[in-house]
Amino acid sequence: MKRIALILLGFAAMAGCGNPEDRNDAAVKSFVEEKVLERLNNYRRIVEKNCREKALEEAGMMADSILIAAAREQRDSMDRPEKPEKPEKPELKRPAEELPLKPLFRDTIKGNGKNR
């Protein structure tokens, strides 16, 4: 049992006393991976934000155009009425017999009603 414990202790000592450059490289790689993931997440967040803003802007424009179209449909469609056409000139009817001309008022012959 002592032998097995010594062998295991030896393996643990060898693993713990490994090459320090390997541990340094592993720390650098993990640090780089962490920073890359952080930058990727930041980039994704920015792209999502821009995409959401663009989608909201386009949706707002579509909503505005829908509202404008609905308002145009509800607007009174009757514009100014067209100018009516001129009626035809009526035919002048002349009396069958020529009538003698008479003054319309009695006073017109005497001089505008001053001599009564």
Protein backbone atom coordinates (compact mmCIF):
# COMPACT_ATOMS: atom_id res chain seq x y z
CA MET A 1 0.00 0.00 0.00
CA LYS A 2 2.92 2.30 0.75
CA ARG A 3 4.26 1.50 -2.62
CA ILE A 4 1.05 2.52 -4.39
CA ALA A 5 0.90 5.72 -2.33
CA LEU A 6 4.48 6.57 -3.28
CA ILE A 7 3.80 5.91 -6.95
CA LEU A 8 0.69 8.10 -6.91
CA LEU A 9 2.58 10.81 -5.03
CA GLY A 10 5.30 10.64 -7.66
CA PHE A 11 2.85 11.04 -10.51
CA ALA A 12 1.19 13.97 -8.73
CA ALA A 13 4.56 15.63 -8.18
CA MET A 14 5.46 15.21 -11.84
CA ALA A 15 2.14 16.61 -13.01
CA GLY A 16 2.36 19.55 -10.59
CA CYS A 17 5.94 20.30 -11.48
CA GLY A 18 5.33 20.27 -15.18
CA ASN A 19 6.76 22.77 -17.63
CA PRO A 20 5.80 26.37 -16.58
CA GLU A 21 5.69 27.47 -20.23
CA ASP A 22 2.87 25.00 -20.88
CA ARG A 23 0.87 26.48 -18.00
CA ASN A 24 1.62 30.01 -19.25
CA ASP A 25 0.53 29.10 -22.80
CA ALA A 26 -2.69 27.58 -21.47
CA ALA A 27 -3.40 30.74 -19.43
CA VAL A 28 -2.75 32.96 -22.47
CA LYS A 29 -4.97 30.80 -24.67
CA SER A 30 -7.80 30.86 -22.17
CA PHE A 31 -7.41 34.65 -21.76
CA VAL A 32 -7.47 35.17 -25.55
CA GLU A 33 -10.50 32.91 -25.93
CA GLU A 34 -12.28 34.81 -23.17
CA LYS A 35 -11.56 38.17 -24.84
CA VAL A 36 -12.62 36.84 -28.27
CA LEU A 37 -15.92 35.58 -26.83
CA GLU A 38 -16.43 38.92 -25.08
CA ARG A 39 -15.84 40.85 -28.31
CA LEU A 40 -18.09 38.47 -30.28
CA ASN A 41 -20.90 38.90 -27.77
CA ASN A 42 -20.46 42.69 -27.89
CA TYR A 43 -20.55 42.59 -31.72
CA ARG A 44 -23.70 40.44 -31.72
CA ARG A 45 -25.36 42.82 -29.27
CA ILE A 46 -24.53 45.82 -31.48
CA VAL A 47 -25.77 44.04 -34.64
CA GLU A 48 -29.01 43.02 -32.89
CA LYS A 49 -29.54 46.58 -31.65
CA ASN A 50 -29.00 48.03 -35.14
CA CYS A 51 -31.25 45.39 -36.69
CA ARG A 52 -34.00 46.06 -34.14
CA GLU A 53 -33.77 49.84 -34.72
CA LYS A 54 -33.92 49.35 -38.49
CA ALA A 55 -36.90 46.99 -38.18
CA LEU A 56 -38.73 49.45 -35.91
CA GLU A 57 -38.06 52.30 -38.32
CA GLU A 58 -39.36 50.30 -41.29
CA ALA A 59 -42.40 49.18 -39.30
CA GLY A 60 -43.08 52.81 -38.36
CA MET A 61 -42.89 53.86 -42.00
CA MET A 62 -45.25 51.04 -43.01
CA ALA A 63 -47.69 51.99 -40.26
CA ASP A 64 -47.58 55.63 -41.37
CA SER A 65 -48.27 54.70 -44.99
CA ILE A 66 -51.13 52.41 -43.93
CA LEU A 67 -52.67 55.22 -41.87
CA ILE A 68 -52.27 57.70 -44.73
CA ALA A 69 -53.88 55.25 -47.19
CA ALA A 70 -56.79 54.66 -44.80
CA ALA A 71 -57.28 58.40 -44.35
CA ARG A 72 -57.30 58.90 -48.12
CA GLU A 73 -59.96 56.22 -48.51
CA GLN A 74 -62.17 57.85 -45.88
CA ARG A 75 -61.75 61.32 -47.35
CA ASP A 76 -64.70 62.74 -49.26
CA SER A 77 -64.16 61.51 -52.78
CA MET A 78 -66.41 64.11 -54.33
CA ASP A 79 -64.34 66.91 -55.69
CA ARG A 80 -65.74 70.00 -57.28
CA PRO A 81 -68.60 69.19 -59.58
CA GLU A 82 -67.91 69.55 -63.24
CA LYS A 83 -68.90 72.74 -64.96
CA PRO A 84 -72.33 72.27 -66.51
CA GLU A 85 -72.70 72.55 -70.26
CA LYS A 86 -74.42 75.55 -71.73
CA PRO A 87 -78.02 74.92 -72.59
CA GLU A 88 -79.09 75.25 -76.19
CA LYS A 89 -80.52 78.57 -77.21
CA PRO A 90 -84.29 78.42 -77.10
CA GLU A 91 -86.21 79.12 -80.27
CA LEU A 92 -87.79 82.56 -80.20
CA LYS A 93 -91.52 82.40 -80.69
CA ARG A 94 -92.99 85.33 -82.48
CA PRO A 95 -96.60 86.26 -82.17
CA ALA A 96 -98.74 85.16 -85.03
CA GLU A 97 -99.94 88.69 -85.79
CA GLU A 98 -98.08 91.91 -85.53
CA LEU A 99 -99.46 93.87 -82.60
CA PRO A 100 -99.37 97.65 -82.52
CA LEU A 101 -96.93 99.15 -80.06
CA LYS A 102 -98.48 100.91 -77.08
CA PRO A 103 -96.78 102.67 -74.23
CA LEU A 104 -96.32 100.54 -71.17
CA PHE A 105 -97.43 103.26 -68.77
CA ARG A 106 -99.80 106.15 -69.37
CA ASP A 107 -97.30 108.71 -68.14
CA THR A 108 -94.54 107.81 -70.55
CA ILE A 109 -96.06 109.77 -73.42
CA LYS A 110 -96.74 112.89 -71.39
CA GLY A 111 -93.18 113.32 -70.16
CA ASN A 112 -92.38 111.11 -67.25
CA GLY A 113 -95.42 111.86 -65.11
CA LYS A 114 -94.72 115.54 -64.40
CA ASN A 115 -97.87 116.89 -66.12
CA ARG A 116 -100.78 115.44 -64.29
